[in-house]
Amino acid sequence: MERVDLPVNPPILPMLSKRIGELPVGGTWIFEPKWDGFRALVFHDGGEILIQSRDEKSLNRYFPELLVPLQAQLPARCVLDGEIVIAKNGGLDFEALQLRLHPAASRVRLLSQESPASIVFFDLLCEGDRDLRGVPFQSRRQKLESLLSSAAPPIHLTPATYEPSVAADWFGRFEGAGLDGVMAKPISGAYESDRRLMLKVKHERDCDCVVAGFRWHKKGERTLVGSLLLGLFDDSGALQHVGVCASFTQEKRRQLVKYLAPYRQDALADHPWKLWAEHGSATGEAGHRMPGGQSRWSQGKDLSWEPLRPELVVEVAYEHMQGARFRHMAQFRRWRTDKKPSDCTYAQLEVVPPQELMAIFAGGR
């Protein structure tokens, strides 16, 4: 890691948040949009910049376009907390962000020119020789606003409000642009690494999906189900893989083995993903990744899958879509024996129109 000598030195873990069902009330909170990007702590000490990831690794090589602006615009000695995002086509593009984690410097350089990243700051840990982590968040926020008052893209200050009504408006309007909720931070709160003292309210919806396969759990030697592979029918009647649901208890994983057993019989005979299973190619037709396909992000993981006759319907909770798939892992809610698989279409999903980010990303990315 780059060497810096500051009141707050790397590596340190960022402060975390816990999820709640709805926005808190009362006048003791500062609300912010929840950014969907890569968490980043930025250390600036004279000529040195270090962009540290949530897991304490350096991100400098993956976002070279941020180094010069950060050095030019930040105070000579400071530590800031923020989120790296890529804003394009009126929204945040998390997939473009993931593509940056590439081993080839030439590829990273090309992508940094084609889809440059931005960084949105929301907290200040130190400035000059002063450690600010024990200072109330309200004061840290005011200091941060002052330091970034003349910031220009790709550096941004996150919007903030004391008004729950404004936060509720953000929660609805900004979703289509890829922001995945609202943060609530205690006005008087200190900055405490690796503690879940902030609150987050995230989008979540219900959806009925076809269960077309499953993966074994990495432990248990084929006695535990790891995840269910979910599908939705598109307008042409093709069953598209939209994601997985998991997070089962050990007992539930054992029960699922027995519950799914009848649907494994002759599952491939007329399975809509039969070609994927037989040929093991990395992508299916029309550019949809097969459920067991390897990608750069899954190297080393066993993504082999077991087909099921696509007759079971499950209700899952999901946060939001990215393209034609669930952005995050869906959560199991219940079996829907009252639903036909043919009812599981994209038409049931709530479509949220994008909200332009130009108010935040004015004049640049």
Protein backbone atom coordinates (compact mmCIF):
# COMPACT_ATOMS: atom_id res chain seq x y z
CA MET A 1 0.00 0.00 0.00
CA GLU A 2 1.04 3.60 -0.56
CA ARG A 3 2.72 5.05 2.52
CA VAL A 4 0.95 7.87 4.33
CA ASP A 5 1.49 9.43 7.77
CA LEU A 6 -1.81 10.81 9.03
CA PRO A 7 -3.77 10.93 12.32
CA VAL A 8 -5.84 8.11 10.78
CA ASN A 9 -3.69 5.62 8.86
CA PRO A 10 -4.62 2.65 6.66
CA PRO A 11 -5.73 0.02 6.75
CA ILE A 12 -8.93 0.75 8.65
CA LEU A 13 -12.41 -0.69 8.26
CA PRO A 14 -15.25 1.67 7.32
CA MET A 15 -18.25 2.27 9.58
CA LEU A 16 -21.16 0.03 8.58
CA SER A 17 -24.95 0.13 8.60
CA LYS A 18 -27.79 -2.13 9.63
CA ARG A 19 -30.97 -2.56 7.69
CA ILE A 20 -34.35 -1.38 8.96
CA GLY A 21 -37.82 -1.54 7.41
CA GLU A 22 -38.68 2.17 7.22
CA LEU A 23 -37.14 5.58 7.70
CA PRO A 24 -36.71 6.63 11.34
CA VAL A 25 -38.60 9.69 12.59
CA GLY A 26 -37.48 12.47 14.92
CA GLY A 27 -34.94 15.24 14.54
CA THR A 28 -31.82 13.27 15.40
CA TRP A 29 -30.93 11.97 11.93
CA ILE A 30 -29.20 13.16 8.78
CA PHE A 31 -30.45 11.36 5.67
CA GLU A 32 -28.50 10.63 2.48
CA PRO A 33 -29.15 8.65 -0.71
CA LYS A 34 -27.60 5.17 -0.55
CA TRP A 35 -25.08 4.83 -3.36
CA ASP A 36 -24.66 1.50 -5.15
CA GLY A 37 -20.95 1.34 -5.90
CA PHE A 38 -17.60 0.42 -4.34
CA ARG A 39 -17.07 1.74 -0.80
CA ALA A 40 -13.79 3.63 -0.63
CA LEU A 41 -11.73 5.35 2.04
CA VAL A 42 -9.41 7.94 0.50
CA PHE A 43 -6.17 8.85 2.28
CA HIS A 44 -4.32 11.96 1.04
CA ASP A 45 -0.92 12.86 2.44
CA GLY A 46 0.90 15.46 0.36
CA GLY A 47 1.94 13.67 -2.81
CA GLU A 48 0.41 10.32 -1.87
CA ILE A 49 -3.16 9.14 -2.57
CA LEU A 50 -4.48 5.80 -1.38
CA ILE A 51 -7.96 4.60 -2.31
CA GLN A 52 -8.70 1.77 0.13
CA SER A 53 -11.51 -0.73 -0.45
CA ARG A 54 -13.92 -2.01 2.16
CA ASP A 55 -11.75 -5.12 2.56
CA GLU A 56 -8.62 -3.02 3.14
CA LYS A 57 -7.09 -3.41 -0.34
CA SER A 58 -5.80 -0.64 -2.61
CA LEU A 59 -8.08 0.33 -5.50
CA ASN A 60 -5.59 2.78 -7.04
CA ARG A 61 -4.69 0.61 -10.03
CA TYR A 62 -8.34 0.04 -10.96
CA PHE A 63 -9.37 3.72 -11.00
CA PRO A 64 -6.38 5.66 -12.36
CA GLU A 65 -8.60 8.51 -13.59
CA LEU A 66 -9.45 9.46 -9.99
CA LEU A 67 -5.89 9.88 -8.68
CA VAL A 68 -5.02 13.27 -10.20
CA PRO A 69 -8.39 14.93 -9.41
CA LEU A 70 -8.23 13.66 -5.82
CA GLN A 71 -4.72 14.98 -5.39
CA ALA A 72 -5.66 18.35 -6.89
CA GLN A 73 -8.94 18.92 -5.07
CA LEU A 74 -8.61 17.38 -1.62
CA PRO A 75 -6.88 19.11 1.32
CA ALA A 76 -3.18 18.28 1.54
CA ARG A 77 -3.71 15.92 4.49
CA CYS A 78 -7.08 14.23 5.02
CA VAL A 79 -9.07 11.00 5.09
CA LEU A 80 -12.52 10.85 3.49
CA ASP A 81 -15.15 8.11 3.25
CA GLY A 82 -17.18 7.69 0.08
CA GLU A 83 -18.36 5.51 -2.77
CA ILE A 84 -16.92 5.00 -6.24
CA VAL A 85 -19.64 4.89 -8.90
CA ILE A 86 -19.99 4.99 -12.66
CA ALA A 87 -22.86 7.19 -13.83
CA LYS A 88 -23.97 6.81 -17.45
CA ASN A 89 -27.20 6.88 -19.41
CA GLY A 90 -29.05 8.59 -16.58
CA GLY A 91 -28.20 6.05 -13.92
CA LEU A 92 -25.53 4.15 -12.02
CA ASP A 93 -23.94 1.20 -13.82
CA PHE A 94 -22.66 -1.34 -11.29
CA GLU A 95 -21.72 -3.86 -13.98
CA ALA A 96 -19.40 -1.31 -15.60
CA LEU A 97 -17.83 -0.81 -12.17
CA GLN A 98 -17.24 -4.54 -11.74
CA LEU A 99 -15.47 -4.72 -15.09
CA ARG A 100 -12.74 -2.50 -13.64
CA LEU A 101 -11.44 -5.29 -11.40
CA HIS A 102 -9.38 -6.62 -14.26
CA PRO A 103 -5.82 -7.95 -13.99
CA ALA A 104 -4.66 -6.25 -17.20
CA ALA A 105 -3.61 -2.62 -16.72
CA SER A 106 -4.22 -1.92 -20.42
CA ARG A 107 -7.84 -3.06 -20.07
CA VAL A 108 -8.37 -0.93 -16.97
CA ARG A 109 -6.86 2.08 -18.76
CA LEU A 110 -9.20 1.63 -21.74
CA LEU A 111 -12.28 1.28 -19.54
CA SER A 112 -11.26 4.32 -17.48
CA GLN A 113 -11.41 6.35 -20.69
CA GLU A 114 -14.61 4.80 -22.05
CA SER A 115 -16.57 4.82 -18.77
CA PRO A 116 -14.79 7.08 -16.27
CA ALA A 117 -15.67 6.69 -12.62
CA SER A 118 -16.73 9.29 -10.07
CA ILE A 119 -16.40 9.35 -6.32
CA VAL A 120 -19.13 10.60 -3.98
CA PHE A 121 -17.98 11.57 -0.49
CA PHE A 122 -20.14 11.44 2.64
CA ASP A 123 -17.83 11.54 5.67
CA LEU A 124 -14.59 13.06 6.93
CA LEU A 125 -12.30 11.13 9.29
CA CYS A 126 -9.42 13.56 9.62
CA GLU A 127 -8.10 16.83 8.25
CA GLY A 128 -4.62 18.20 8.81
CA ASP A 129 -3.35 16.88 12.14
CA ARG A 130 -6.80 16.44 13.66
CA ASP A 131 -8.54 13.08 14.05
CA LEU A 132 -12.25 13.86 13.60
CA ARG A 133 -13.69 10.41 14.25
CA GLY A 134 -14.88 11.35 17.73
CA VAL A 135 -16.55 14.56 16.53
CA PRO A 136 -20.38 14.45 16.07
CA PHE A 137 -21.38 13.58 12.53
CA GLN A 138 -23.23 16.88 12.10
CA SER A 139 -19.93 18.74 12.62
CA ARG A 140 -17.99 16.35 10.38
CA ARG A 141 -20.61 16.89 7.67
CA GLN A 142 -20.35 20.69 7.94
CA LYS A 143 -16.56 20.49 7.70
CA LEU A 144 -16.84 18.18 4.69
CA GLU A 145 -19.23 20.59 2.96
CA SER A 146 -16.73 23.40 3.50
CA LEU A 147 -13.78 21.37 2.18
CA LEU A 148 -15.68 20.26 -0.95
CA SER A 149 -17.52 23.53 -1.62
CA SER A 150 -15.65 24.02 -4.91
CA ALA A 151 -15.31 20.33 -5.85
CA ALA A 152 -15.70 19.52 -9.53
CA PRO A 153 -16.37 16.21 -11.30
CA PRO A 154 -15.34 13.48 -10.85
CA ILE A 155 -15.48 14.47 -7.16
CA HIS A 156 -18.89 14.96 -5.56
CA LEU A 157 -20.48 15.58 -2.17
CA THR A 158 -23.53 13.45 -1.44
CA PRO A 159 -26.81 15.32 -0.87
CA ALA A 160 -28.02 15.33 2.74
CA THR A 161 -31.18 16.45 4.52
CA TYR A 162 -32.64 16.61 8.02
CA GLU A 163 -36.17 16.22 6.61
CA PRO A 164 -37.72 12.71 6.55
CA SER A 165 -40.13 13.89 3.84
CA VAL A 166 -37.22 14.76 1.54
CA ALA A 167 -35.57 11.42 2.31
CA ALA A 168 -38.81 9.61 1.49
CA ASP A 169 -38.95 11.46 -1.82
CA TRP A 170 -35.39 10.39 -2.61
CA PHE A 171 -36.28 6.81 -1.73
CA GLY A 172 -38.88 6.71 -4.49
CA ARG A 173 -37.43 9.00 -7.14
CA PHE A 174 -33.80 7.93 -7.19
CA GLU A 175 -34.39 4.20 -7.40
CA GLY A 176 -34.67 3.98 -11.16
CA ALA A 177 -31.26 5.62 -11.40
CA GLY A 178 -29.65 2.77 -9.48
CA LEU A 179 -29.48 4.24 -5.97
CA ASP A 180 -30.69 1.44 -3.77
CA GLY A 181 -32.19 3.21 -0.76
CA VAL A 182 -31.63 5.88 1.89
CA MET A 183 -29.12 6.12 4.75
CA ALA A 184 -29.97 7.55 8.17
CA LYS A 185 -27.00 8.68 10.28
CA PRO A 186 -27.17 9.88 13.91
CA ILE A 187 -26.50 13.63 14.11
CA SER A 188 -24.31 13.20 17.19
CA GLY A 189 -22.70 9.92 16.13
CA ALA A 190 -18.96 9.32 16.17
CA TYR A 191 -17.21 7.46 13.35
CA GLU A 192 -16.63 3.92 14.60
CA SER A 193 -14.91 1.46 12.28
CA ASP A 194 -16.60 -1.87 11.57
CA ARG A 195 -19.63 -1.04 13.73
CA ARG A 196 -23.18 -0.97 12.36
CA LEU A 197 -24.27 2.38 13.75
CA MET A 198 -25.82 3.85 10.61
CA LEU A 199 -29.24 2.76 9.37
CA LYS A 200 -30.25 1.90 5.82
CA VAL A 201 -33.66 1.49 4.23
CA LYS A 202 -33.44 -0.44 0.98
CA HIS A 203 -35.91 -1.23 -1.77
CA GLU A 204 -37.53 -4.62 -1.62
CA ARG A 205 -40.33 -6.18 -3.63
CA ASP A 206 -41.95 -9.58 -3.99
CA CYS A 207 -41.89 -11.68 -7.12
CA ASP A 208 -43.03 -15.19 -8.11
CA CYS A 209 -40.34 -17.18 -9.91
CA VAL A 210 -39.97 -20.61 -11.47
CA VAL A 211 -37.42 -22.81 -9.70
CA ALA A 212 -35.56 -24.46 -12.58
CA GLY A 213 -32.54 -25.83 -10.78
CA PHE A 214 -30.39 -25.69 -7.69
CA ARG A 215 -26.79 -25.78 -6.56
CA TRP A 216 -25.38 -27.99 -3.85
CA HIS A 217 -24.00 -26.27 -0.77
CA LYS A 218 -20.20 -26.16 -0.68
CA LYS A 219 -20.33 -28.15 2.56
CA GLY A 220 -22.28 -31.32 3.24
CA GLU A 221 -21.21 -33.42 0.24
CA ARG A 222 -24.55 -33.23 -1.58
CA THR A 223 -26.71 -33.42 1.54
CA LEU A 224 -27.50 -29.67 1.64
CA VAL A 225 -29.01 -27.34 -0.99
CA GLY A 226 -26.98 -24.16 -1.42
CA SER A 227 -29.22 -22.01 -3.63
CA LEU A 228 -32.23 -22.17 -5.92
CA LEU A 229 -31.93 -21.03 -9.54
CA LEU A 230 -34.77 -18.69 -10.47
CA GLY A 231 -36.40 -18.07 -13.83
CA LEU A 232 -38.94 -15.71 -15.40
CA PHE A 233 -40.63 -16.06 -18.78
CA ASP A 234 -39.95 -13.28 -21.26
CA ASP A 235 -42.30 -11.98 -23.95
CA SER A 236 -41.24 -14.72 -26.35
CA GLY A 237 -42.06 -17.46 -23.81
CA ALA A 238 -38.41 -18.30 -23.08
CA LEU A 239 -37.46 -18.95 -19.46
CA GLN A 240 -34.63 -16.60 -18.55
CA HIS A 241 -32.33 -17.13 -15.58
CA VAL A 242 -32.82 -14.07 -13.32
CA GLY A 243 -30.78 -14.95 -10.25
CA VAL A 244 -30.70 -17.14 -7.16
CA CYS A 245 -32.16 -17.25 -3.69
CA ALA A 246 -30.26 -18.66 -0.75
CA SER A 247 -29.57 -17.74 2.90
CA PHE A 248 -31.30 -20.87 4.22
CA THR A 249 -30.75 -22.40 7.65
CA GLN A 250 -28.90 -25.71 7.75
CA GLU A 251 -32.13 -27.51 8.59
CA LYS A 252 -33.92 -25.87 5.65
CA ARG A 253 -31.06 -26.89 3.34
CA ARG A 254 -31.52 -30.52 4.40
CA GLN A 255 -35.29 -30.35 3.96
CA LEU A 256 -34.91 -28.90 0.47
CA VAL A 257 -32.95 -31.94 -0.70
CA LYS A 258 -35.96 -34.14 0.04
CA TYR A 259 -38.50 -31.58 -1.18
CA LEU A 260 -36.77 -31.13 -4.55
CA ALA A 261 -36.00 -34.82 -5.16
CA PRO A 262 -39.18 -35.63 -7.16
CA TYR A 263 -38.52 -32.72 -9.51
CA ARG A 264 -35.03 -34.00 -10.37
CA GLN A 265 -36.45 -37.04 -12.15
CA ASP A 266 -36.15 -36.71 -15.95
CA ALA A 267 -35.52 -33.01 -15.37
CA LEU A 268 -33.40 -32.51 -18.50
CA ALA A 269 -35.80 -34.22 -20.90
CA ASP A 270 -37.68 -31.02 -21.78
CA HIS A 271 -35.73 -28.51 -19.71
CA PRO A 272 -35.60 -24.96 -21.17
CA TRP A 273 -31.90 -24.76 -20.21
CA LYS A 274 -31.09 -28.21 -21.60
CA LEU A 275 -28.47 -26.96 -24.07
CA TRP A 276 -26.65 -25.10 -21.32
CA ALA A 277 -26.50 -28.18 -19.16
CA GLU A 278 -25.40 -30.47 -22.00
CA HIS A 279 -22.81 -28.26 -23.65
CA GLY A 280 -21.55 -26.34 -20.63
CA SER A 281 -20.89 -23.23 -22.68
CA ALA A 282 -20.28 -20.02 -20.78
CA THR A 283 -23.27 -18.21 -22.24
CA GLY A 284 -26.70 -19.20 -23.39
CA GLU A 285 -28.67 -17.96 -26.35
CA ALA A 286 -29.31 -14.23 -26.75
CA GLY A 287 -26.34 -13.46 -24.53
CA HIS A 288 -27.86 -14.69 -21.27
CA ARG A 289 -25.34 -16.29 -18.96
CA MET A 290 -26.09 -19.90 -18.16
CA PRO A 291 -26.80 -20.67 -14.49
CA GLY A 292 -23.55 -22.61 -14.06
CA GLY A 293 -21.39 -20.42 -16.28
CA GLN A 294 -17.99 -19.18 -15.19
CA SER A 295 -17.15 -15.51 -15.26
CA ARG A 296 -14.17 -13.46 -14.17
CA TRP A 297 -15.96 -12.81 -10.86
CA SER A 298 -16.58 -16.49 -10.11
CA GLN A 299 -13.16 -18.00 -10.78
CA GLY A 300 -12.48 -20.82 -8.37
CA LYS A 301 -16.11 -21.26 -7.37
CA ASP A 302 -18.07 -24.38 -8.21
CA LEU A 303 -21.04 -23.10 -10.21
CA SER A 304 -22.22 -26.50 -11.45
CA TRP A 305 -25.98 -26.91 -11.10
CA GLU A 306 -28.64 -29.58 -10.92
CA PRO A 307 -31.68 -29.17 -13.20
CA LEU A 308 -35.24 -29.41 -11.88
CA ARG A 309 -38.41 -29.82 -13.88
CA PRO A 310 -39.64 -26.20 -14.04
CA GLU A 311 -42.88 -26.87 -12.16
CA LEU A 312 -42.26 -25.25 -8.77
CA VAL A 313 -43.11 -21.62 -8.06
CA VAL A 314 -41.48 -19.68 -5.23
CA GLU A 315 -42.18 -16.20 -3.91
CA VAL A 316 -38.97 -14.27 -3.29
CA ALA A 317 -38.14 -10.78 -2.07
CA TYR A 318 -35.79 -8.72 -4.23
CA GLU A 319 -34.44 -5.19 -4.06
CA HIS A 320 -34.26 -4.09 -7.68
CA MET A 321 -33.50 -5.29 -11.17
CA GLN A 322 -30.34 -4.63 -13.14
CA GLY A 323 -31.22 -5.25 -16.73
CA ALA A 324 -33.12 -8.54 -16.85
CA ARG A 325 -31.74 -9.95 -13.59
CA PHE A 326 -31.97 -9.37 -9.85
CA ARG A 327 -29.20 -6.98 -8.79
CA HIS A 328 -28.65 -8.86 -5.49
CA MET A 329 -29.45 -12.32 -4.19
CA ALA A 330 -33.20 -12.78 -3.69
CA GLN A 331 -34.63 -13.97 -0.37
CA PHE A 332 -36.90 -16.99 -0.03
CA ARG A 333 -40.41 -16.12 1.22
CA ARG A 334 -42.68 -19.13 0.56
CA TRP A 335 -43.70 -21.75 -1.95
CA ARG A 336 -46.64 -20.73 -4.15
CA THR A 337 -48.44 -23.99 -4.89
CA ASP A 338 -51.40 -21.86 -5.99
CA LYS A 339 -49.43 -20.37 -8.89
CA LYS A 340 -48.68 -21.83 -12.30
CA PRO A 341 -45.14 -21.52 -13.64
CA SER A 342 -46.56 -19.74 -16.69
CA ASP A 343 -47.64 -16.90 -14.37
CA CYS A 344 -43.99 -16.14 -13.60
CA THR A 345 -43.29 -13.45 -16.17
CA TYR A 346 -41.42 -10.14 -16.27
CA ALA A 347 -44.81 -8.44 -16.52
CA GLN A 348 -45.35 -8.87 -12.76
CA LEU A 349 -42.33 -6.71 -11.93
CA GLU A 350 -42.82 -3.10 -10.98
CA VAL A 351 -41.14 -0.85 -13.51
CA VAL A 352 -39.60 2.28 -12.00
CA PRO A 353 -38.65 5.00 -14.49
CA PRO A 354 -35.08 6.31 -14.18
CA GLN A 355 -34.56 9.55 -12.32
CA GLU A 356 -31.93 11.74 -13.92
CA LEU A 357 -28.81 12.19 -11.82
CA MET A 358 -27.91 15.49 -13.47
CA ALA A 359 -28.69 17.43 -10.28
CA ILE A 360 -25.83 15.56 -8.61
CA PHE A 361 -23.58 14.82 -11.58
CA ALA A 362 -23.88 18.23 -13.24
CA GLY A 363 -21.29 18.96 -15.84
CA GLY A 364 -19.70 15.55 -15.90
CA ARG A 365 -19.78 11.92 -14.92
